[in-house]
C-alpha atoms as a PDB file:
ATOM      1  CA  MET A   1      22.812  47.080  73.771  1.00  0.00           C
ATOM      2  CA  SER A   2      19.900  46.780  75.948  1.00  0.00           C
ATOM      3  CA  GLY A   3      16.316  46.448  75.196  1.00  0.00           C
ATOM      4  CA  ALA A   4      14.228  44.334  72.628  1.00  0.00           C
ATOM      5  CA  ASN A   5      16.830  44.994  69.972  1.00  0.00           C
ATOM      6  CA  ALA A   6      19.736  43.724  71.831  1.00  0.00           C
ATOM      7  CA  GLN A   7      21.596  40.599  70.219  1.00  0.00           C
ATOM      8  CA  PHE A   8      24.084  38.360  71.529  1.00  0.00           C
ATOM      9  CA  TYR A   9      26.418  36.553  69.290  1.00  0.00           C
ATOM     10  CA  ASN A  10      27.650  33.156  69.302  1.00  0.00           C
ATOM     11  CA  GLU A  11      29.963  31.434  66.844  1.00  0.00           C
ATOM     12  CA  ARG A  12      27.129  29.487  65.291  1.00  0.00           C
ATOM     13  CA  HIS A  13      24.342  31.797  65.510  1.00  0.00           C
ATOM     14  CA  VAL A  14      23.262  35.282  66.308  1.00  0.00           C
ATOM     15  CA  PHE A  15      20.525  35.046  69.158  1.00  0.00           C
ATOM     16  CA  ALA A  16      18.080  37.814  69.885  1.00  0.00           C
ATOM     17  CA  GLU A  17      17.452  38.452  73.503  1.00  0.00           C
ATOM     18  CA  SER A  18      13.851  37.029  73.625  1.00  0.00           C
ATOM     19  CA  GLU A  19      15.592  33.546  72.745  1.00  0.00           C
ATOM     20  CA  PHE A  20      16.752  33.317  76.318  1.00  0.00           C
ATOM     21  CA  THR A  21      13.452  33.571  77.972  1.00  0.00           C
ATOM     22  CA  MET A  22      12.138  30.510  79.852  1.00  0.00           C
ATOM     23  CA  ASN A  23       8.611  29.722  79.138  1.00  0.00           C
ATOM     24  CA  SER A  24       6.104  27.143  80.965  1.00  0.00           C
ATOM     25  CA  HIS A  25       6.380  24.690  78.006  1.00  0.00           C
ATOM     26  CA  ALA A  26      10.109  24.308  78.163  1.00  0.00           C
ATOM     27  CA  LEU A  27      10.052  24.114  81.996  1.00  0.00           C
ATOM     28  CA  MET A  28       7.422  21.271  81.539  1.00  0.00           C
ATOM     29  CA  LEU A  29       9.707  19.492  79.146  1.00  0.00           C
ATOM     30  CA  MET A  30      12.597  19.731  81.461  1.00  0.00           C
ATOM     31  CA  ALA A  31      10.532  18.592  84.395  1.00  0.00           C
ATOM     32  CA  ILE A  32       9.675  15.196  82.656  1.00  0.00           C
ATOM     33  CA  PRO A  33      13.036  13.573  82.861  1.00  0.00           C
ATOM     34  CA  ALA A  34      13.713  15.164  86.322  1.00  0.00           C
ATOM     35  CA  LEU A  35      10.510  13.580  87.830  1.00  0.00           C
ATOM     36  CA  VAL A  36      10.903  10.345  86.304  1.00  0.00           C
ATOM     37  CA  ALA A  37      14.331  10.039  87.626  1.00  0.00           C
ATOM     38  CA  LEU A  38      13.118  10.942  91.019  1.00  0.00           C
ATOM     39  CA  ALA A  39      10.562   8.397  90.640  1.00  0.00           C
ATOM     40  CA  GLY A  40      13.016   5.813  89.607  1.00  0.00           C
ATOM     41  CA  GLY A  41      15.153   6.559  92.381  1.00  0.00           C
ATOM     42  CA  LEU A  42      12.284   6.218  95.029  1.00  0.00           C
ATOM     43  CA  LEU A  43      11.309   3.071  93.348  1.00  0.00           C
ATOM     44  CA  ALA A  44      14.622   1.726  93.690  1.00  0.00           C
ATOM     45  CA  ALA A  45      14.733   2.752  97.390  1.00  0.00           C
ATOM     46  CA  VAL A  46      11.710   0.742  98.290  1.00  0.00           C
ATOM     47  CA  TRP A  47      11.392  -2.372  95.862  1.00  0.00           C
ATOM     48  CA  ALA A  48      13.979  -5.082  95.212  1.00  0.00           C
ATOM     49  CA  PRO A  49      13.108  -6.722  91.839  1.00  0.00           C
ATOM     50  CA  SER A  50      13.694 -10.511  91.376  1.00  0.00           C
ATOM     51  CA  HIS A  51      16.663 -11.600  89.231  1.00  0.00           C
ATOM     52  CA  GLN A  52      14.276 -12.293  86.188  1.00  0.00           C
ATOM     53  CA  THR A  53      12.590  -8.824  86.779  1.00  0.00           C
ATOM     54  CA  ARG A  54      16.006  -7.067  86.824  1.00  0.00           C
ATOM     55  CA  SER A  55      17.369  -9.081  83.597  1.00  0.00           C
ATOM     56  CA  MET A  56      13.931  -7.891  81.743  1.00  0.00           C
ATOM     57  CA  ILE A  57      14.479  -4.402  82.518  1.00  0.00           C
ATOM     58  CA  GLN A  58      18.499  -4.571  81.478  1.00  0.00           C
ATOM     59  CA  HIS A  59      17.395  -6.276  78.325  1.00  0.00           C
ATOM     60  CA  PHE A  60      14.789  -3.480  77.583  1.00  0.00           C
ATOM     61  CA  ALA A  61      17.400  -0.819  78.350  1.00  0.00           C
ATOM     62  CA  ALA A  62      19.928  -2.519  75.970  1.00  0.00           C
ATOM     63  CA  GLY A  63      17.230  -2.620  73.383  1.00  0.00           C
ATOM     64  CA  VAL A  64      16.255   0.921  73.575  1.00  0.00           C
ATOM     65  CA  VAL A  65      20.244   1.831  73.306  1.00  0.00           C
ATOM     66  CA  LEU A  66      20.442  -0.127  70.274  1.00  0.00           C
ATOM     67  CA  ALA A  67      17.479   1.426  68.659  1.00  0.00           C
ATOM     68  CA  ALA A  68      18.756   5.018  69.525  1.00  0.00           C
ATOM     69  CA  LEU A  69      22.121   3.954  68.119  1.00  0.00           C
ATOM     70  CA  ALA A  70      20.424   2.502  64.886  1.00  0.00           C
ATOM     71  CA  VAL A  71      18.101   5.626  64.352  1.00  0.00           C
ATOM     72  CA  GLU A  72      20.532   8.372  65.146  1.00  0.00           C
ATOM     73  CA  LEU A  73      24.205   7.601  64.525  1.00  0.00           C
ATOM     74  CA  LEU A  74      24.261   4.604  62.048  1.00  0.00           C
ATOM     75  CA  PRO A  75      22.987   6.861  59.016  1.00  0.00           C
ATOM     76  CA  GLU A  76      25.764   9.434  59.729  1.00  0.00           C
ATOM     77  CA  ILE A  77      28.438   6.459  59.901  1.00  0.00           C
ATOM     78  CA  ALA A  78      27.201   4.742  56.784  1.00  0.00           C
ATOM     79  CA  ARG A  79      27.616   8.106  54.901  1.00  0.00           C
ATOM     80  CA  GLU A  80      31.299   8.226  55.960  1.00  0.00           C
ATOM     81  CA  HIS A  81      32.093   4.689  54.911  1.00  0.00           C
ATOM     82  CA  PRO A  82      31.880   3.493  51.161  1.00  0.00           C
ATOM     83  CA  GLU A  83      31.106  -0.106  52.025  1.00  0.00           C
ATOM     84  CA  PRO A  84      27.689  -0.497  54.000  1.00  0.00           C
ATOM     85  CA  TRP A  85      28.622  -4.189  55.047  1.00  0.00           C
ATOM     86  CA  HIS A  86      31.361  -2.725  57.276  1.00  0.00           C
ATOM     87  CA  VAL A  87      28.682  -0.833  59.329  1.00  0.00           C
ATOM     88  CA  LEU A  88      26.501  -3.538  59.384  1.00  0.00           C
ATOM     89  CA  ALA A  89      29.096  -6.110  60.489  1.00  0.00           C
ATOM     90  CA  ALA A  90      30.279  -3.775  63.241  1.00  0.00           C
ATOM     91  CA  PHE A  91      26.829  -3.084  64.294  1.00  0.00           C
ATOM     92  CA  ALA A  92      25.941  -6.817  64.353  1.00  0.00           C
ATOM     93  CA  ALA A  93      29.279  -7.683  66.372  1.00  0.00           C
ATOM     94  CA  GLY A  94      28.436  -4.979  68.868  1.00  0.00           C
ATOM     95  CA  SER A  95      25.042  -6.148  69.414  1.00  0.00           C
ATOM     96  CA  LEU A  96      26.046  -9.743  69.745  1.00  0.00           C
ATOM     97  CA  PHE A  97      28.641  -9.258  72.328  1.00  0.00           C
ATOM     98  CA  MET A  98      26.804  -6.421  74.214  1.00  0.00           C
END
């Protein structure tokens, strides 16, 4: 099975051979987080932020995590539990003690 008609089987999906090729758009999308991580490492090596700046950055990161949790996971969790107040109470308690 070689050539353009070759297919690879996965448990969830049958992949055509063309789905495995890497294009420049995919490489650019993968390069963004790699470059940001590299820039963050270089910045951390040369800059020592003040206590207040570090605190603001950590609070911003915690807000991003809470927003991602609220958007991505909470709707799925709410479908599993019949009472929505259980989910809201757990999310509020977790946010409070974070």
